[in-house]
Amino acid sequence: MENHTYPKNMFLLEGLKVTQQSSYPAFILLLIIYIFTMVSNIGLILLISVERSLHQPMYILFCNLPLNDALGATVIIPRLLSDIFVASADRYINNVAMIAKLTFFAWGSAFLLVGILLGLTLSLSRCRSEIFNPFCDNASLFKLSCESVIINNIYGLTFTILLLGSSIGSVTLTYLKIAMVCVRNKNRVLNSRALQTCSTHLSVYIIMLVSGFIIIFLHRFPQWADHRKLSAILFHVVPPWLNPIIYGLQTKEIRQKIFNKFQNNKVTVR
């Protein structure tokens, strides 16, 4: 048992570890990233919603990405920002907030599988109350229990293999089919357009995949805990602000609509 005592149903969150000298630069940087993430992602959703020419299945499905990015950033970044100026001994989080954060994490993945894993996690009895992570996740909550977490680890590993396996498999299959169509099709314009769209998606997908693998890998090595925490923050902070740049500016129709909006605003101001 730990020597510390905490309020009932409360947990001590490690938060973002920064020195006093770097607290203000870290706060300003995260705040700028968060503002840009919210403005760009919500802006894309509004643009697709307002422009009738973008009311096509491809762009409607595309709205799911900025929505998930905005929700994910809101779950992580505001809490990181507030914890920067809170003493490490006062960074509490209650059960309700913790469950809400874990539920939002499940939003963009296989919700049922994540829900089962979350249920297994919350059913564990806990003999510790200090979460050694900048935010709540299942792996960190496992470490609060003094019970055997073998079943949870097996389920988590199985879930990871199924999720990543199905994801990699479906992406590979999709790109093979697109490649076959491009080979058969002699239209250079259509092939160039398909290549541009695919390269955009693939670059974002690889960033997410590599970041996820790094976090999973580093969880097995306690001596690299600080590297894992940094990777976890980057995993939830970098893609949400990078996705609108890659997708928004690389997709020709969306790029044209954005430029047209800026040009119309300039004309109106004049």
Protein backbone atom coordinates (compact mmCIF):
# COMPACT_ATOMS: atom_id res chain seq x y z
CA MET A 1 0.00 0.00 0.00
CA GLU A 2 1.07 3.56 -0.61
CA ASN A 3 1.93 5.89 2.23
CA HIS A 4 -0.15 8.69 0.68
CA THR A 5 -3.82 9.22 1.47
CA TYR A 6 -6.24 10.61 -1.10
CA PRO A 7 -9.89 11.68 -1.02
CA LYS A 8 -12.38 8.87 -1.61
CA ASN A 9 -12.89 7.91 -5.28
CA MET A 10 -10.15 10.32 -6.28
CA PHE A 11 -6.89 9.63 -8.06
CA LEU A 12 -3.69 11.62 -8.29
CA LEU A 13 -2.76 12.28 -11.91
CA GLU A 14 0.88 12.86 -12.76
CA GLY A 15 0.05 15.36 -15.50
CA LEU A 16 2.65 17.05 -17.66
CA LYS A 17 6.09 17.11 -16.06
CA VAL A 18 7.75 20.44 -16.83
CA THR A 19 10.17 22.62 -14.91
CA GLN A 20 9.08 26.00 -13.53
CA GLN A 21 11.16 27.80 -16.18
CA SER A 22 9.58 25.88 -19.07
CA SER A 23 5.99 25.94 -17.75
CA TYR A 24 4.99 29.15 -19.58
CA PRO A 25 6.55 28.17 -22.96
CA ALA A 26 4.92 24.71 -22.67
CA PHE A 27 1.56 26.30 -21.83
CA ILE A 28 1.73 28.76 -24.75
CA LEU A 29 2.80 26.05 -27.22
CA LEU A 30 0.03 23.65 -26.16
CA LEU A 31 -2.53 26.47 -26.18
CA ILE A 32 -1.58 27.50 -29.74
CA ILE A 33 -1.77 23.86 -30.88
CA TYR A 34 -5.18 23.43 -29.22
CA ILE A 35 -6.62 26.64 -30.71
CA PHE A 36 -5.33 25.73 -34.19
CA THR A 37 -6.65 22.16 -33.81
CA MET A 38 -10.15 23.31 -32.84
CA VAL A 39 -10.39 26.12 -35.40
CA SER A 40 -9.08 24.02 -38.31
CA ASN A 41 -11.09 20.87 -37.54
CA ILE A 42 -14.37 22.63 -36.73
CA GLY A 43 -13.76 24.89 -39.73
CA LEU A 44 -13.51 21.84 -42.01
CA ILE A 45 -16.75 20.41 -40.60
CA LEU A 46 -18.56 23.73 -41.13
CA LEU A 47 -17.13 24.11 -44.65
CA ILE A 48 -18.34 20.65 -45.68
CA SER A 49 -21.72 21.28 -44.02
CA VAL A 50 -22.28 24.66 -45.70
CA GLU A 51 -20.97 23.95 -49.21
CA ARG A 52 -23.53 21.92 -51.18
CA SER A 53 -20.94 20.84 -53.73
CA LEU A 54 -19.17 18.96 -50.92
CA HIS A 55 -22.30 17.06 -49.88
CA GLN A 56 -20.94 13.80 -51.28
CA PRO A 57 -20.37 10.48 -49.46
CA MET A 58 -16.58 10.94 -49.51
CA TYR A 59 -16.69 14.34 -47.76
CA ILE A 60 -19.50 13.38 -45.39
CA LEU A 61 -17.43 10.41 -44.22
CA PHE A 62 -14.41 12.72 -44.08
CA CYS A 63 -16.25 14.78 -41.41
CA ASN A 64 -15.70 11.89 -38.98
CA LEU A 65 -11.94 12.56 -38.87
CA PRO A 66 -12.03 16.25 -37.77
CA LEU A 67 -14.85 15.42 -35.33
CA ASN A 68 -12.76 12.70 -33.67
CA ASP A 69 -9.68 14.96 -33.68
CA ALA A 70 -11.58 17.83 -32.02
CA LEU A 71 -13.07 15.53 -29.37
CA GLY A 72 -9.74 13.78 -28.71
CA ALA A 73 -7.86 17.07 -28.36
CA THR A 74 -10.54 18.42 -25.99
CA VAL A 75 -10.28 15.35 -23.78
CA ILE A 76 -6.48 15.63 -23.47
CA ILE A 77 -5.12 19.15 -23.97
CA PRO A 78 -7.26 21.33 -21.62
CA ARG A 79 -6.44 19.06 -18.69
CA LEU A 80 -2.73 19.14 -19.58
CA LEU A 81 -2.89 22.95 -19.74
CA SER A 82 -4.57 23.27 -16.35
CA ASP A 83 -2.18 20.81 -14.69
CA ILE A 84 0.89 22.83 -15.73
CA PHE A 85 0.13 25.46 -13.08
CA VAL A 86 -1.22 23.05 -10.45
CA ALA A 87 1.08 21.56 -7.83
CA SER A 88 1.86 17.91 -8.56
CA ALA A 89 0.33 16.92 -5.20
CA ASP A 90 -3.02 18.53 -6.13
CA ARG A 91 -3.68 17.06 -9.58
CA TYR A 92 -6.73 15.01 -8.62
CA ILE A 93 -9.21 13.35 -10.94
CA ASN A 94 -12.41 11.66 -9.78
CA ASN A 95 -14.02 8.43 -10.96
CA VAL A 96 -16.63 10.13 -13.13
CA ALA A 97 -14.10 12.27 -15.01
CA MET A 98 -11.81 9.28 -15.45
CA ILE A 99 -14.59 7.09 -16.92
CA ALA A 100 -15.70 9.96 -19.19
CA LYS A 101 -12.17 10.35 -20.58
CA LEU A 102 -11.81 6.62 -21.20
CA THR A 103 -15.22 6.57 -22.92
CA PHE A 104 -14.18 9.39 -25.25
CA PHE A 105 -11.00 7.45 -26.09
CA ALA A 106 -13.27 4.61 -27.23
CA TRP A 107 -15.22 6.97 -29.54
CA GLY A 108 -13.01 6.53 -32.57
CA SER A 109 -12.23 2.82 -32.21
CA ALA A 110 -14.15 -0.41 -31.91
CA PHE A 111 -16.45 0.91 -29.20
CA LEU A 112 -17.79 -2.49 -28.05
CA LEU A 113 -14.33 -4.06 -27.64
CA VAL A 114 -12.97 -1.00 -25.84
CA GLY A 115 -16.10 -0.95 -23.66
CA ILE A 116 -15.48 -4.54 -22.54
CA LEU A 117 -11.84 -3.72 -21.77
CA LEU A 118 -12.97 -0.65 -19.82
CA GLY A 119 -15.41 -2.80 -17.84
CA LEU A 120 -12.65 -5.26 -16.96
CA THR A 121 -10.40 -2.40 -15.87
CA LEU A 122 -13.00 -0.74 -13.63
CA SER A 123 -13.93 -4.07 -12.03
CA LEU A 124 -10.41 -4.46 -10.61
CA SER A 125 -9.94 -3.60 -6.95
CA ARG A 126 -7.34 -0.89 -6.46
CA CYS A 127 -4.72 -0.55 -3.76
CA ARG A 128 -2.98 2.44 -5.33
CA SER A 129 -4.30 5.87 -6.26
CA GLU A 130 -1.44 7.53 -8.14
CA ILE A 131 -1.62 7.40 -11.94
CA PHE A 132 1.89 7.69 -13.37
CA ASN A 133 0.79 9.10 -16.71
CA PRO A 134 -0.13 12.53 -18.09
CA PHE A 135 -3.72 11.28 -18.56
CA CYS A 136 -5.91 8.24 -17.84
CA ASP A 137 -5.63 5.14 -19.99
CA ASN A 138 -6.33 1.45 -19.45
CA ALA A 139 -2.69 0.43 -19.17
CA SER A 140 -2.04 3.00 -16.41
CA LEU A 141 -5.17 1.91 -14.51
CA PHE A 142 -4.00 -1.73 -14.60
CA LYS A 143 -1.01 -0.66 -12.52
CA LEU A 144 -3.27 0.65 -9.72
CA SER A 145 -4.48 -2.87 -8.92
CA CYS A 146 -2.82 -5.39 -6.66
CA GLU A 147 -4.82 -8.20 -8.28
CA SER A 148 -3.58 -10.33 -11.12
CA VAL A 149 -4.20 -8.50 -14.39
CA ILE A 150 -3.29 -11.43 -16.65
CA ILE A 151 -6.83 -11.66 -18.09
CA ASN A 152 -6.85 -7.92 -18.74
CA ASN A 153 -3.43 -8.08 -20.41
CA ILE A 154 -4.50 -11.03 -22.58
CA TYR A 155 -7.71 -9.26 -23.58
CA GLY A 156 -5.83 -6.00 -24.22
CA LEU A 157 -3.24 -7.81 -26.36
CA THR A 158 -5.99 -9.67 -28.26
CA PHE A 159 -7.88 -6.41 -28.80
CA THR A 160 -4.73 -4.68 -30.05
CA ILE A 161 -3.92 -7.52 -32.47
CA LEU A 162 -7.52 -7.63 -33.78
CA LEU A 163 -7.80 -3.88 -34.14
CA LEU A 164 -4.39 -3.35 -35.76
CA GLY A 165 -4.67 -6.53 -37.83
CA SER A 166 -8.07 -5.62 -39.24
CA SER A 167 -6.96 -2.02 -39.79
CA ILE A 168 -3.73 -2.92 -41.60
CA GLY A 169 -5.52 -5.69 -43.53
CA SER A 170 -8.37 -3.47 -44.72
CA VAL A 171 -6.01 -0.62 -45.68
CA THR A 172 -3.72 -3.01 -47.58
CA LEU A 173 -6.68 -4.59 -49.39
CA THR A 174 -8.11 -1.18 -50.28
CA TYR A 175 -4.81 0.07 -51.70
CA LEU A 176 -4.30 -3.12 -53.69
CA LYS A 177 -7.72 -2.68 -55.28
CA ILE A 178 -7.01 1.00 -56.03
CA ALA A 179 -3.63 0.04 -57.52
CA MET A 180 -5.28 -2.59 -59.74
CA VAL A 181 -7.85 -0.05 -60.98
CA CYS A 182 -5.07 2.48 -61.68
CA VAL A 183 -3.08 -0.09 -63.65
CA ARG A 184 -6.10 -0.98 -65.79
CA ASN A 185 -7.16 2.64 -66.18
CA LYS A 186 -5.11 4.65 -68.67
CA ASN A 187 -6.55 8.00 -67.57
CA ARG A 188 -3.61 9.98 -66.17
CA VAL A 189 -5.80 12.62 -64.53
CA LEU A 190 -7.84 10.09 -62.55
CA ASN A 191 -4.73 8.11 -61.62
CA SER A 192 -2.98 11.27 -60.41
CA ARG A 193 -6.03 12.23 -58.36
CA ALA A 194 -6.23 8.75 -56.81
CA LEU A 195 -2.50 8.81 -56.01
CA GLN A 196 -2.80 12.23 -54.34
CA THR A 197 -5.74 11.12 -52.16
CA CYS A 198 -4.10 7.81 -51.23
CA SER A 199 -0.72 9.34 -50.37
CA THR A 200 -2.46 11.86 -48.11
CA HIS A 201 -4.36 9.17 -46.23
CA LEU A 202 -1.35 6.86 -46.07
CA SER A 203 0.92 9.52 -44.54
CA VAL A 204 -1.56 10.21 -41.71
CA TYR A 205 -2.17 6.49 -41.20
CA ILE A 206 1.55 5.72 -40.90
CA ILE A 207 2.02 8.52 -38.34
CA MET A 208 -0.82 7.12 -36.21
CA LEU A 209 0.37 3.52 -36.59
CA VAL A 210 4.01 4.21 -35.69
CA SER A 211 3.02 6.36 -32.70
CA GLY A 212 0.66 3.67 -31.43
CA PHE A 213 3.29 0.94 -31.75
CA ILE A 214 5.85 3.07 -29.88
CA ILE A 215 3.45 3.58 -26.94
CA ILE A 216 2.55 -0.13 -26.76
CA PHE A 217 6.22 -1.14 -27.00
CA LEU A 218 7.45 1.31 -24.34
CA HIS A 219 4.75 0.22 -21.84
CA ARG A 220 6.78 -3.00 -21.46
CA PHE A 221 9.89 -1.10 -20.33
CA PRO A 222 9.45 0.90 -17.08
CA GLN A 223 12.92 2.45 -17.42
CA TRP A 224 11.68 4.26 -20.55
CA ALA A 225 8.56 5.63 -18.85
CA ASP A 226 9.36 9.27 -19.67
CA HIS A 227 9.79 8.47 -23.38
CA ARG A 228 6.47 6.59 -23.36
CA LYS A 229 4.68 9.54 -21.73
CA LEU A 230 6.10 11.94 -24.30
CA SER A 231 5.07 9.59 -27.13
CA ALA A 232 1.56 9.29 -25.67
CA ILE A 233 1.17 13.08 -25.58
CA LEU A 234 2.48 13.44 -29.14
CA PHE A 235 0.11 10.67 -30.28
CA HIS A 236 -2.90 12.66 -29.03
CA VAL A 237 -1.61 16.16 -29.87
CA VAL A 238 0.25 16.01 -33.21
CA PRO A 239 -2.21 14.16 -35.53
CA PRO A 240 -5.26 16.34 -34.64
CA TRP A 241 -3.51 19.53 -35.82
CA LEU A 242 -1.64 17.80 -38.65
CA ASN A 243 -4.69 16.09 -40.20
CA PRO A 244 -6.49 19.30 -41.29
CA ILE A 245 -3.31 20.54 -42.99
CA ILE A 246 -2.73 17.26 -44.83
CA TYR A 247 -6.34 16.50 -45.73
CA GLY A 248 -7.65 20.04 -46.10
CA LEU A 249 -4.83 21.41 -48.26
CA GLN A 250 -4.12 18.24 -50.23
CA THR A 251 -7.75 17.63 -51.23
CA LYS A 252 -8.25 19.84 -54.29
CA GLU A 253 -11.98 20.57 -53.83
CA ILE A 254 -11.59 21.53 -50.16
CA ARG A 255 -8.47 23.60 -50.89
CA GLN A 256 -10.32 25.55 -53.60
CA LYS A 257 -13.28 26.21 -51.30
CA ILE A 258 -10.96 27.49 -48.55
CA PHE A 259 -9.13 29.82 -50.96
CA ASN A 260 -12.46 31.06 -52.37
CA LYS A 261 -13.67 31.86 -48.85
CA PHE A 262 -10.54 33.91 -48.12
CA GLN A 263 -10.78 35.74 -51.46
CA ASN A 264 -14.46 36.58 -50.87
CA ASN A 265 -13.61 37.90 -47.40
CA LYS A 266 -10.87 40.14 -48.85
CA VAL A 267 -13.29 41.55 -51.44
CA THR A 268 -15.91 42.20 -48.75
CA VAL A 269 -13.38 44.02 -46.54
CA ARG A 270 -12.31 46.28 -49.40
